[in-house]
Protein backbone atom coordinates (compact mmCIF):
# COMPACT_ATOMS: atom_id res chain seq x y z
CA MET A 1 -8.49 -58.13 -78.52
CA MET A 2 -7.41 -56.85 -75.05
CA SER A 3 -9.20 -58.59 -72.21
CA ALA A 4 -11.25 -56.45 -69.80
CA THR A 5 -9.06 -57.52 -66.88
CA TYR A 6 -5.85 -56.54 -68.67
CA ARG A 7 -7.35 -53.21 -69.75
CA TYR A 8 -8.38 -52.33 -66.16
CA LEU A 9 -4.95 -53.29 -64.84
CA ASN A 10 -3.34 -51.10 -67.50
CA LEU A 11 -5.62 -48.17 -66.66
CA GLY A 12 -4.89 -48.68 -62.98
CA PHE A 13 -1.16 -48.57 -63.64
CA ILE A 14 -1.50 -45.37 -65.70
CA ALA A 15 -3.54 -43.75 -62.93
CA LEU A 16 -0.91 -44.74 -60.37
CA VAL A 17 1.87 -43.21 -62.50
CA LEU A 18 -0.10 -40.00 -62.96
CA LEU A 19 -0.75 -39.71 -59.23
CA THR A 20 2.87 -40.43 -58.43
CA PHE A 21 4.28 -37.81 -60.75
CA ALA A 22 1.49 -35.23 -60.69
CA PRO A 23 2.69 -31.87 -59.33
CA ASN A 24 2.17 -31.62 -55.56
CA ALA A 25 0.29 -34.96 -55.53
CA HIS A 26 2.19 -35.99 -52.43
CA ALA A 27 3.34 -32.55 -51.37
CA GLU A 28 3.33 -31.84 -47.68
CA SER A 29 0.52 -29.69 -46.37
CA PRO A 30 1.24 -26.09 -45.36
CA LYS A 31 1.07 -27.16 -41.70
CA GLU A 32 3.60 -29.96 -42.27
CA GLN A 33 6.02 -27.74 -44.18
CA LEU A 34 5.76 -24.99 -41.59
CA GLN A 35 6.25 -27.48 -38.76
CA ASP A 36 9.38 -28.87 -40.45
CA THR A 37 10.86 -25.37 -40.51
CA ILE A 38 9.88 -24.48 -36.95
CA ASP A 39 11.13 -27.83 -35.63
CA SER A 40 14.49 -27.21 -37.33
CA VAL A 41 14.72 -23.75 -35.76
CA ILE A 42 13.86 -25.09 -32.30
CA LYS A 43 16.48 -27.83 -32.66
CA VAL A 44 19.11 -25.11 -33.09
CA LEU A 45 17.67 -22.94 -30.31
CA ARG A 46 17.93 -25.80 -27.80
CA THR A 47 21.72 -25.52 -28.12
CA VAL A 48 21.70 -21.78 -27.47
CA GLN A 49 22.87 -20.58 -24.06
CA SER A 50 23.64 -16.92 -24.77
CA ARG A 51 23.29 -14.06 -27.21
CA GLU A 52 26.70 -15.02 -28.59
CA ASP A 53 25.30 -18.45 -29.47
CA ILE A 54 22.55 -16.80 -31.53
CA ASP A 55 25.22 -14.85 -33.43
CA LYS A 56 27.23 -18.02 -34.02
CA ASN A 57 24.15 -19.79 -35.39
CA ARG A 58 22.82 -16.79 -37.34
CA GLU A 59 23.74 -18.21 -40.76
CA THR A 60 22.30 -21.65 -39.92
CA LEU A 61 19.02 -20.08 -38.79
CA ARG A 62 18.94 -17.86 -41.87
CA GLN A 63 19.30 -20.89 -44.15
CA ILE A 64 16.42 -22.62 -42.34
CA LEU A 65 14.09 -19.61 -42.47
CA GLN A 66 14.75 -18.15 -45.92
CA PRO A 67 13.12 -20.96 -47.97
CA ARG A 68 9.94 -20.69 -45.87
CA PHE A 69 9.49 -16.90 -45.91
CA ASP A 70 8.54 -14.89 -48.99
CA TYR A 71 10.46 -11.75 -48.07
CA ALA A 72 9.78 -10.14 -51.45
CA ALA A 73 6.01 -10.38 -50.94
CA MET A 74 6.32 -9.13 -47.37
CA ALA A 75 8.45 -6.18 -48.48
CA GLN A 76 5.97 -5.21 -51.21
CA GLN A 77 2.98 -5.43 -48.88
CA SER A 78 4.78 -3.43 -46.20
CA LEU A 79 5.10 -0.48 -48.59
CA GLY A 80 1.53 -0.74 -49.87
CA ASN A 81 0.81 1.74 -52.67
CA ARG A 82 4.26 3.34 -52.27
CA TRP A 83 5.85 0.23 -53.83
CA VAL A 84 5.42 1.70 -57.33
CA ASP A 85 7.49 4.71 -56.28
CA LEU A 86 10.66 2.63 -55.94
CA ASN A 87 11.27 3.05 -59.68
CA GLY A 88 13.75 0.23 -60.25
CA LYS A 89 14.98 -0.01 -56.67
CA GLU A 90 12.65 -2.86 -55.76
CA LYS A 91 15.47 -5.42 -55.34
CA GLU A 92 17.39 -3.01 -53.15
CA PHE A 93 14.38 -2.47 -50.90
CA VAL A 94 13.69 -6.22 -50.66
CA ALA A 95 17.34 -6.87 -49.68
CA VAL A 96 17.31 -4.18 -46.98
CA PHE A 97 13.87 -5.24 -45.72
CA THR A 98 15.03 -8.88 -45.56
CA ASP A 99 18.08 -7.93 -43.47
CA PHE A 100 15.86 -5.79 -41.22
CA LEU A 101 13.30 -8.56 -40.74
CA GLU A 102 15.92 -11.26 -40.16
CA ASN A 103 17.61 -9.04 -37.58
CA SER A 104 14.26 -8.67 -35.78
CA TYR A 105 13.76 -12.46 -35.89
CA MET A 106 17.21 -13.09 -34.43
CA ASN A 107 16.48 -10.76 -31.52
CA THR A 108 13.18 -12.56 -30.90
CA LEU A 109 14.76 -16.03 -31.18
CA GLY A 110 17.31 -15.02 -28.57
CA SER A 111 14.52 -14.89 -25.97
CA TYR A 112 13.45 -18.52 -26.57
CA ARG A 113 13.21 -20.42 -23.27
CA GLY A 114 11.99 -23.85 -24.28
CA GLU A 115 8.42 -22.91 -25.15
CA LYS A 116 6.40 -25.43 -27.14
CA VAL A 117 4.59 -24.73 -30.40
CA VAL A 118 1.08 -26.20 -30.60
CA TYR A 119 -0.37 -26.55 -34.09
CA ASP A 120 -4.08 -25.94 -34.34
CA ARG A 121 -6.21 -25.91 -37.46
CA ASP A 122 -5.08 -25.05 -40.96
CA ARG A 123 -7.21 -23.81 -43.84
CA ILE A 124 -6.33 -24.19 -47.51
CA ASP A 125 -8.01 -22.21 -50.29
CA GLY A 126 -6.39 -23.02 -53.62
CA GLU A 127 -2.82 -21.70 -53.43
CA SER A 128 -3.39 -19.79 -50.18
CA ALA A 129 -3.44 -21.17 -46.66
CA GLU A 130 -3.51 -20.20 -42.99
CA VAL A 131 -2.02 -22.18 -40.11
CA ASP A 132 -2.96 -21.36 -36.51
CA THR A 133 -0.40 -22.03 -33.79
CA ARG A 134 0.11 -21.25 -30.10
CA LEU A 135 3.35 -20.72 -28.22
CA VAL A 136 2.86 -22.30 -24.79
CA GLY A 137 4.99 -22.94 -21.73
CA GLY A 138 6.32 -19.45 -21.19
CA GLU A 139 5.27 -16.85 -18.67
CA GLY A 140 1.69 -15.65 -18.96
CA THR A 141 -0.97 -16.85 -21.37
CA PRO A 142 -0.14 -18.70 -24.62
CA ILE A 143 0.77 -16.51 -27.57
CA LYS A 144 -1.39 -17.03 -30.65
CA ILE A 145 0.50 -16.93 -33.96
CA GLY A 146 -1.35 -17.34 -37.24
CA TYR A 147 0.75 -17.85 -40.37
CA LYS A 148 -0.50 -16.84 -43.81
CA LEU A 149 1.11 -18.76 -46.65
CA HIS A 150 0.91 -19.09 -50.41
CA LEU A 151 2.14 -21.83 -52.71
CA ARG A 152 5.27 -21.08 -54.73
CA SER A 153 6.90 -23.84 -56.81
CA GLY A 154 5.61 -26.57 -54.51
CA GLN A 155 6.59 -24.78 -51.31
CA TRP A 156 4.19 -23.10 -48.89
CA MET A 157 5.83 -19.77 -48.10
CA VAL A 158 4.89 -17.39 -45.30
CA TYR A 159 3.94 -13.89 -46.45
CA ASP A 160 2.54 -12.67 -43.12
CA ALA A 161 2.23 -13.71 -39.49
CA VAL A 162 -0.48 -12.49 -37.12
CA ILE A 163 0.69 -12.44 -33.50
CA ASP A 164 -2.12 -12.01 -30.95
CA ASP A 165 -4.29 -10.43 -33.68
CA VAL A 166 -1.56 -8.04 -34.87
CA SER A 167 -0.28 -8.53 -38.44
CA ILE A 168 3.50 -8.20 -38.82
CA VAL A 169 3.17 -6.88 -42.37
CA GLY A 170 0.31 -4.57 -41.39
CA ASN A 171 2.36 -3.25 -38.47
CA TYR A 172 5.33 -2.48 -40.72
CA ARG A 173 3.04 -0.90 -43.30
CA SER A 174 1.68 1.47 -40.63
CA GLN A 175 5.20 2.29 -39.38
CA PHE A 176 6.56 2.92 -42.88
CA ALA A 177 3.54 5.03 -43.84
CA ARG A 178 4.16 7.27 -40.81
CA VAL A 179 7.83 7.67 -41.76
CA LEU A 180 6.99 8.39 -45.41
CA ARG A 181 4.66 11.23 -44.49
CA THR A 182 7.72 13.38 -43.82
CA ALA A 183 10.60 11.38 -45.33
CA SER A 184 11.57 9.96 -48.72
CA LEU A 185 11.93 6.29 -49.64
CA LYS A 186 15.69 6.85 -49.71
CA GLU A 187 15.57 8.07 -46.11
CA LEU A 188 13.44 5.07 -45.12
CA LEU A 189 16.05 2.74 -46.63
CA GLN A 190 18.79 4.56 -44.74
CA SER A 191 16.83 4.21 -41.51
CA LEU A 192 16.32 0.47 -42.01
CA ARG A 193 20.02 -0.03 -42.76
CA ALA A 194 20.94 1.88 -39.61
CA LYS A 195 18.67 -0.32 -37.49
CA VAL A 196 20.23 -3.47 -38.95
CA SER A 197 23.74 -2.21 -38.22
CA GLY A 198 22.72 -1.15 -34.70
CA HIS A 199 23.20 2.58 -35.20
């Protein structure tokens, strides 16, 4: 008959194995994952001296940012109830929206002047989370940036960012809604492509 001591040791070992291999048991928090991405971006930006340097590092920055941003979710939310009108062109819209958003990010990153990101509180509710940050050290008051994330295959992915109380996705949704009052989705896509290409 198994001794009580041996049985408890065996149960303890089983519990340890389950904890070790349980999904997300040791996964980084949304704040930690976000900080890893932002730190990697800042490391690249510290080598940037000109707009040309941003262009040279565009692919590196894209590879850092893409795994952390859920562009598909952002694209869908930006269209709101007009998403269903794409009728099979969802992937095309996501691709164009991603290029448009990345182009906007690159322009913003080009204005980085050594500011520091301060990480404040984070809140987790199941598979959703929010991380509050501040950009300090630049001219004027600190800029508040709140990231909204959801969990996808073990990764906390950003689906919106609120900058000084203005939602990026909400802002695009308002802009696109104004355009779509007088234009078609095809014309909106053409407009976004033109902005990416600089025309």
